[in-house]
N, C-alpha and C. Protein backbone atom coordinates (compact mmCIF):
# COMPACT_ATOMS: atom_id res chain seq x y z
N GLN A 1 95.86 35.76 -79.73
CA GLN A 1 96.71 34.67 -79.50
C GLN A 1 95.40 33.49 -77.80
N VAL A 2 94.24 32.52 -79.24
CA VAL A 2 93.38 32.39 -77.53
C VAL A 2 93.63 31.48 -76.77
N GLN A 3 93.72 31.85 -75.80
CA GLN A 3 94.53 30.72 -73.99
C GLN A 3 92.84 30.19 -73.30
N LEU A 4 92.72 28.83 -72.51
CA LEU A 4 91.68 28.56 -71.73
C LEU A 4 92.84 28.54 -70.62
N VAL A 5 92.07 28.07 -70.02
CA VAL A 5 93.01 28.35 -68.56
C VAL A 5 91.89 27.99 -67.32
N GLU A 6 91.79 26.17 -66.88
CA GLU A 6 91.04 25.50 -65.74
C GLU A 6 91.75 25.49 -64.38
N SER A 7 90.43 26.18 -63.44
CA SER A 7 91.26 26.37 -62.19
C SER A 7 89.99 25.18 -61.97
N GLY A 8 90.79 26.01 -60.06
CA GLY A 8 89.65 24.37 -59.26
C GLY A 8 89.75 22.96 -59.18
N GLY A 9 90.08 22.83 -59.41
CA GLY A 9 91.02 20.84 -59.41
C GLY A 9 91.46 20.64 -57.81
N GLY A 10 90.96 19.33 -57.54
CA GLY A 10 91.71 20.05 -56.23
C GLY A 10 91.49 17.69 -55.91
N LEU A 11 91.79 17.77 -54.80
CA LEU A 11 90.38 16.16 -54.34
C LEU A 11 89.75 16.77 -52.98
N VAL A 12 89.07 15.56 -53.88
CA VAL A 12 87.21 16.02 -51.85
C VAL A 12 87.59 14.19 -52.70
N GLN A 13 86.27 14.44 -51.25
CA GLN A 13 85.62 12.78 -51.15
C GLN A 13 84.29 12.76 -52.02
N ALA A 14 83.93 12.25 -52.10
CA ALA A 14 82.40 10.99 -52.41
C ALA A 14 81.14 12.49 -51.81
N GLY A 15 81.23 12.55 -53.19
CA GLY A 15 79.62 13.42 -51.77
C GLY A 15 79.86 14.77 -52.08
N GLY A 16 81.29 15.05 -52.25
CA GLY A 16 81.87 16.50 -51.76
C GLY A 16 80.82 17.49 -52.74
N SER A 17 81.88 18.41 -53.51
CA SER A 17 81.11 19.68 -54.84
C SER A 17 82.52 20.19 -54.87
N LEU A 18 82.73 20.59 -55.99
CA LEU A 18 83.72 21.16 -56.57
C LEU A 18 83.22 22.27 -57.47
N ARG A 19 84.45 23.43 -57.49
CA ARG A 19 83.14 24.43 -58.63
C ARG A 19 85.35 23.95 -59.71
N LEU A 20 84.91 24.16 -61.04
CA LEU A 20 86.06 24.17 -62.08
C LEU A 20 85.42 26.14 -62.76
N SER A 21 86.53 26.93 -63.26
CA SER A 21 86.47 27.41 -63.78
C SER A 21 87.32 27.82 -64.99
N CYS A 22 86.63 27.64 -66.24
CA CYS A 22 87.50 28.67 -66.92
C CYS A 22 87.70 30.60 -67.62
N ALA A 23 89.01 30.65 -67.53
CA ALA A 23 89.16 31.22 -68.11
C ALA A 23 89.31 32.14 -69.00
N ALA A 24 89.02 32.47 -70.23
CA ALA A 24 89.31 32.98 -71.19
C ALA A 24 90.42 34.37 -71.51
N SER A 25 91.29 34.53 -72.52
CA SER A 25 91.60 35.29 -73.09
C SER A 25 91.78 34.76 -74.35
N GLY A 26 91.79 36.22 -75.38
CA GLY A 26 91.88 36.12 -76.56
C GLY A 26 90.66 35.82 -77.83
N LEU A 27 89.21 35.92 -76.35
CA LEU A 27 88.56 35.09 -76.49
C LEU A 27 86.64 35.03 -75.73
N THR A 28 85.63 35.67 -76.58
CA THR A 28 85.14 35.96 -75.80
C THR A 28 83.26 35.05 -75.02
N ILE A 29 83.97 34.54 -74.16
CA ILE A 29 82.52 33.51 -73.70
C ILE A 29 82.03 34.51 -73.94
N SER A 30 80.91 34.58 -73.97
CA SER A 30 79.82 35.76 -74.51
C SER A 30 79.74 35.00 -75.32
N SER A 31 80.17 34.69 -76.53
CA SER A 31 79.88 34.74 -78.07
C SER A 31 79.81 33.19 -78.83
N ASN A 32 80.82 33.11 -77.85
CA ASN A 32 81.21 30.85 -77.88
C ASN A 32 80.43 30.12 -77.09
N PRO A 33 80.32 29.57 -77.82
CA PRO A 33 79.99 27.32 -77.00
C PRO A 33 80.94 27.53 -75.68
N MET A 34 80.77 27.11 -75.32
CA MET A 34 82.03 26.69 -74.49
C MET A 34 81.94 25.09 -73.73
N GLY A 35 82.07 24.23 -73.63
CA GLY A 35 81.83 22.88 -73.52
C GLY A 35 83.14 22.26 -72.32
N TRP A 36 82.79 21.44 -71.30
CA TRP A 36 84.03 20.91 -70.41
C TRP A 36 83.91 19.32 -70.97
N PHE A 37 85.37 19.22 -70.81
CA PHE A 37 85.69 17.08 -71.36
C PHE A 37 86.06 17.13 -70.26
N ARG A 38 86.69 15.28 -70.17
CA ARG A 38 87.37 14.96 -68.91
C ARG A 38 88.35 13.54 -69.02
N GLN A 39 89.42 12.83 -68.74
CA GLN A 39 90.32 12.09 -69.72
C GLN A 39 90.27 11.39 -67.96
N VAL A 40 90.85 10.70 -68.08
CA VAL A 40 91.20 9.41 -67.51
C VAL A 40 92.43 9.08 -67.82
N PRO A 41 93.23 8.50 -67.63
CA PRO A 41 94.65 8.15 -68.18
C PRO A 41 94.43 6.49 -68.61
N GLY A 42 94.97 6.55 -70.23
CA GLY A 42 94.65 4.64 -70.38
C GLY A 42 93.29 5.26 -71.27
N LYS A 43 92.10 6.12 -71.43
CA LYS A 43 90.82 6.22 -72.35
C LYS A 43 90.84 7.13 -73.00
N GLU A 44 89.74 7.18 -72.95
CA GLU A 44 89.90 8.17 -74.48
C GLU A 44 88.76 9.83 -73.56
N ARG A 45 88.67 10.81 -73.84
CA ARG A 45 88.65 11.92 -73.37
C ARG A 45 86.82 11.60 -73.82
N GLU A 46 86.21 12.24 -72.46
CA GLU A 46 84.82 12.49 -72.05
C GLU A 46 84.64 13.53 -72.14
N PHE A 47 83.16 13.65 -73.04
CA PHE A 47 82.41 15.15 -73.25
C PHE A 47 81.09 14.55 -71.46
N VAL A 48 80.94 16.26 -70.73
CA VAL A 48 80.97 16.03 -69.62
C VAL A 48 79.47 17.42 -70.10
N ALA A 49 79.58 18.66 -70.58
CA ALA A 49 78.80 19.36 -70.22
C ALA A 49 79.39 21.00 -71.59
N ALA A 50 78.31 20.69 -72.32
CA ALA A 50 77.82 22.28 -72.95
C ALA A 50 77.46 23.12 -72.48
N ILE A 51 77.46 24.44 -73.04
CA ILE A 51 76.93 25.48 -72.81
C ILE A 51 76.58 26.29 -74.79
N GLY A 52 75.25 26.86 -74.98
CA GLY A 52 75.94 27.08 -75.74
C GLY A 52 75.91 28.56 -76.28
N TRP A 53 75.00 29.30 -77.30
CA TRP A 53 75.17 30.68 -77.26
C TRP A 53 73.93 31.63 -75.97
N SER A 54 73.37 30.67 -76.13
CA SER A 54 71.67 30.85 -74.69
C SER A 54 72.12 30.50 -73.94
N PHE A 55 71.96 31.40 -72.22
CA PHE A 55 71.75 31.10 -71.08
C PHE A 55 71.30 29.55 -71.08
N ASP A 56 70.63 28.95 -71.53
CA ASP A 56 69.14 28.49 -70.73
C ASP A 56 69.46 27.09 -72.40
N TYR A 57 70.78 26.80 -72.75
CA TYR A 57 70.86 25.46 -73.86
C TYR A 57 72.12 25.46 -73.35
N THR A 58 71.56 24.61 -72.45
CA THR A 58 73.14 23.34 -72.61
C THR A 58 72.59 22.23 -72.40
N LEU A 59 73.84 20.59 -71.91
CA LEU A 59 74.22 19.67 -72.80
C LEU A 59 74.67 19.14 -71.77
N TYR A 60 74.63 17.60 -71.49
CA TYR A 60 74.87 17.70 -70.22
C TYR A 60 75.31 15.91 -70.24
N ALA A 61 76.50 14.96 -69.07
CA ALA A 61 76.35 14.09 -70.17
C ALA A 61 75.25 13.07 -70.00
N ASP A 62 75.76 11.76 -70.14
CA ASP A 62 74.08 11.53 -69.25
C ASP A 62 74.35 10.41 -67.61
N SER A 63 76.14 10.60 -67.33
CA SER A 63 77.10 10.60 -65.87
C SER A 63 76.98 11.46 -64.79
N VAL A 64 76.68 13.03 -66.05
CA VAL A 64 77.01 13.79 -64.54
C VAL A 64 74.81 14.29 -64.52
N LYS A 65 74.40 14.83 -65.29
CA LYS A 65 73.19 15.41 -65.52
C LYS A 65 72.48 15.20 -64.07
N GLY A 66 72.27 16.89 -63.32
CA GLY A 66 71.83 16.62 -62.16
C GLY A 66 72.78 16.26 -61.20
N ARG A 67 74.36 16.37 -60.78
CA ARG A 67 75.34 16.53 -60.70
C ARG A 67 75.35 17.78 -60.77
N PHE A 68 76.02 17.79 -61.61
CA PHE A 68 77.05 19.10 -62.44
C PHE A 68 75.66 20.31 -63.42
N SER A 69 76.51 21.52 -63.40
CA SER A 69 75.55 22.38 -63.88
C SER A 69 77.18 23.82 -65.41
N ILE A 70 76.77 23.42 -65.76
CA ILE A 70 77.79 24.41 -66.85
C ILE A 70 76.93 26.00 -66.95
N SER A 71 77.60 26.99 -65.93
CA SER A 71 77.25 28.15 -67.03
C SER A 71 78.20 29.06 -67.28
N ARG A 72 78.12 30.73 -67.39
CA ARG A 72 79.02 31.57 -67.85
C ARG A 72 78.96 32.63 -66.56
N ASP A 73 80.12 33.57 -66.74
CA ASP A 73 80.06 34.22 -66.18
C ASP A 73 80.61 35.16 -67.25
N ASN A 74 80.00 36.34 -67.81
CA ASN A 74 80.18 37.16 -69.04
C ASN A 74 80.87 38.09 -68.97
N ALA A 75 81.07 39.10 -67.53
CA ALA A 75 81.99 39.01 -66.36
C ALA A 75 83.04 39.58 -66.02
N LYS A 76 83.29 38.06 -66.57
CA LYS A 76 85.01 37.68 -65.71
C LYS A 76 85.37 36.80 -67.27
N ASN A 77 83.98 36.80 -68.22
CA ASN A 77 84.96 35.76 -69.10
C ASN A 77 85.62 34.53 -68.97
N THR A 78 84.21 33.60 -67.48
CA THR A 78 85.08 32.75 -67.48
C THR A 78 83.67 31.67 -68.20
N VAL A 79 83.74 30.23 -68.29
CA VAL A 79 82.75 29.26 -67.36
C VAL A 79 83.39 27.98 -66.27
N ASN A 80 81.97 28.49 -66.22
CA ASN A 80 81.66 27.53 -64.89
C ASN A 80 82.02 26.00 -64.77
N LEU A 81 81.39 25.46 -64.50
CA LEU A 81 80.59 23.39 -63.45
C LEU A 81 81.18 23.21 -62.37
N GLN A 82 79.59 23.32 -62.25
CA GLN A 82 79.80 23.37 -60.25
C GLN A 82 79.13 22.25 -60.72
N MET A 83 80.38 21.09 -59.93
CA MET A 83 79.72 19.26 -59.60
C MET A 83 80.08 19.21 -58.08
N ASN A 84 78.54 18.33 -57.97
CA ASN A 84 78.13 18.10 -56.57
C ASN A 84 77.96 16.61 -56.85
N ALA A 85 77.82 16.32 -54.98
CA ALA A 85 77.23 14.93 -55.00
C ALA A 85 78.57 14.18 -56.31
N LEU A 86 79.23 14.48 -55.70
CA LEU A 86 81.10 13.58 -56.32
C LEU A 86 81.01 12.46 -56.71
N LYS A 87 81.83 11.38 -57.49
CA LYS A 87 81.69 10.07 -56.98
C LYS A 87 82.94 10.31 -57.44
N PRO A 88 83.71 8.65 -57.01
CA PRO A 88 84.65 8.40 -57.26
C PRO A 88 85.20 8.81 -58.64
N GLU A 89 84.43 7.62 -59.65
CA GLU A 89 84.23 7.56 -61.41
C GLU A 89 84.41 8.94 -61.08
N ASP A 90 83.92 10.53 -61.24
CA ASP A 90 84.41 11.34 -61.32
C ASP A 90 85.44 11.81 -61.36
N THR A 91 86.23 11.65 -60.88
CA THR A 91 88.28 11.20 -60.75
C THR A 91 89.08 11.17 -62.54
N ALA A 92 89.51 12.03 -62.56
CA ALA A 92 89.81 13.03 -64.68
C ALA A 92 91.03 14.60 -63.72
N VAL A 93 91.61 14.17 -65.16
CA VAL A 93 91.10 15.32 -65.86
C VAL A 93 90.57 16.07 -66.39
N TYR A 94 90.08 17.40 -66.08
CA TYR A 94 88.25 18.34 -66.45
C TYR A 94 90.10 19.91 -67.64
N TYR A 95 88.86 18.83 -68.87
CA TYR A 95 89.40 20.16 -69.79
C TYR A 95 88.05 21.46 -70.08
N CYS A 96 88.52 22.57 -70.43
CA CYS A 96 87.76 22.94 -70.85
C CYS A 96 87.71 23.88 -72.67
N ALA A 97 86.54 23.91 -73.30
CA ALA A 97 86.81 23.74 -74.57
C ALA A 97 86.27 24.57 -75.82
N ALA A 98 86.77 25.64 -76.46
CA ALA A 98 85.56 26.63 -77.28
C ALA A 98 85.61 25.70 -78.51
N GLY A 99 84.18 25.57 -78.83
CA GLY A 99 83.75 24.84 -79.98
C GLY A 99 82.98 26.08 -81.18
N SER A 100 82.00 25.85 -82.27
CA SER A 100 81.32 26.18 -83.05
C SER A 100 79.66 25.40 -82.76
N GLY A 101 79.93 24.88 -82.28
CA GLY A 101 78.14 24.83 -81.23
C GLY A 101 78.02 23.81 -80.43
N PRO A 102 76.95 24.07 -79.81
CA PRO A 102 77.03 22.65 -78.29
C PRO A 102 77.36 21.47 -78.70
N GLU A 103 76.18 21.00 -80.55
CA GLU A 103 76.30 19.55 -80.42
C GLU A 103 77.54 19.05 -80.87
N ARG A 104 78.50 19.54 -81.29
CA ARG A 104 79.29 19.98 -82.63
C ARG A 104 80.62 19.64 -81.04
N LEU A 105 80.81 20.14 -79.91
CA LEU A 105 81.39 19.79 -78.91
C LEU A 105 80.98 18.78 -77.90
N ARG A 106 79.47 17.95 -77.81
CA ARG A 106 79.16 16.80 -77.57
C ARG A 106 80.03 15.79 -77.95
N ALA A 107 79.81 15.86 -79.23
CA ALA A 107 80.89 15.56 -80.21
C ALA A 107 82.35 14.99 -80.21
N GLY A 108 82.46 16.12 -79.30
CA GLY A 108 83.88 15.79 -79.18
C GLY A 108 85.03 16.95 -80.17
N VAL A 109 84.49 17.49 -80.81
CA VAL A 109 84.57 18.63 -81.62
C VAL A 109 85.95 19.79 -80.79
N GLY A 110 85.80 20.54 -80.48
CA GLY A 110 86.59 21.78 -80.26
C GLY A 110 87.06 22.31 -80.57
N THR A 111 86.64 23.71 -80.85
CA THR A 111 88.13 24.83 -81.56
C THR A 111 89.73 25.20 -81.03
N TYR A 112 89.18 25.45 -79.57
CA TYR A 112 90.52 25.90 -78.50
C TYR A 112 89.92 24.42 -77.30
N TRP A 113 91.41 24.15 -76.88
CA TRP A 113 91.38 24.20 -75.39
C TRP A 113 92.26 24.15 -74.06
N GLY A 114 92.23 24.28 -73.22
CA GLY A 114 92.83 24.21 -72.46
C GLY A 114 93.66 23.14 -71.69
N GLN A 115 94.55 22.92 -71.05
CA GLN A 115 95.48 22.37 -70.10
C GLN A 115 95.13 21.06 -69.25
N GLY A 116 94.05 21.87 -68.96
CA GLY A 116 93.21 20.98 -67.85
C GLY A 116 93.23 20.81 -66.45
N THR A 117 92.49 20.59 -65.31
CA THR A 117 93.02 20.89 -63.57
C THR A 117 92.38 19.10 -63.42
N GLN A 118 93.68 18.88 -62.46
CA GLN A 118 92.88 17.50 -61.72
C GLN A 118 91.79 17.72 -60.86
N VAL A 119 90.69 16.26 -61.40
CA VAL A 119 90.51 16.39 -59.36
C VAL A 119 90.09 14.69 -59.49
N THR A 120 90.27 15.02 -58.30
CA THR A 120 90.57 13.05 -57.45
C THR A 120 89.21 13.25 -56.58
N VAL A 121 87.99 11.97 -55.89
CA VAL A 121 87.72 11.87 -55.63
C VAL A 121 87.62 10.94 -54.60
N SER A 122 88.62 10.87 -53.43
CA SER A 122 88.17 9.53 -52.85
C SER A 122 87.12 9.09 -52.34
N SER A 123 87.24 7.82 -51.86
CA SER A 123 86.03 7.08 -51.40
C SER A 123 85.90 7.00 -50.46
């Protein structure tokens, strides 16, 4: 049974940083494209970032490009999202997902999903 568990969310002031982590069980992070999404109540889930089979292949939403960085730690079987220069509009529940390809993740298609972690950015 595959489980994805996000952690690292919290409250931070605008301009600050947070590092989200997604720990996987029943699935090998290094063998699967992984992605991060976010959702605000009343709005559709939004793609944030994805990483392919290669460390060098990453995709980002325009709204986070240059501020967020996705990476994986194969030894810990985790995928991480480093978020810098946070803005109030980054406030959302952040989810990680495993998928069949980074482009499909960017299209919102994930195979497994975590339960989410809340990120709140105060102004």
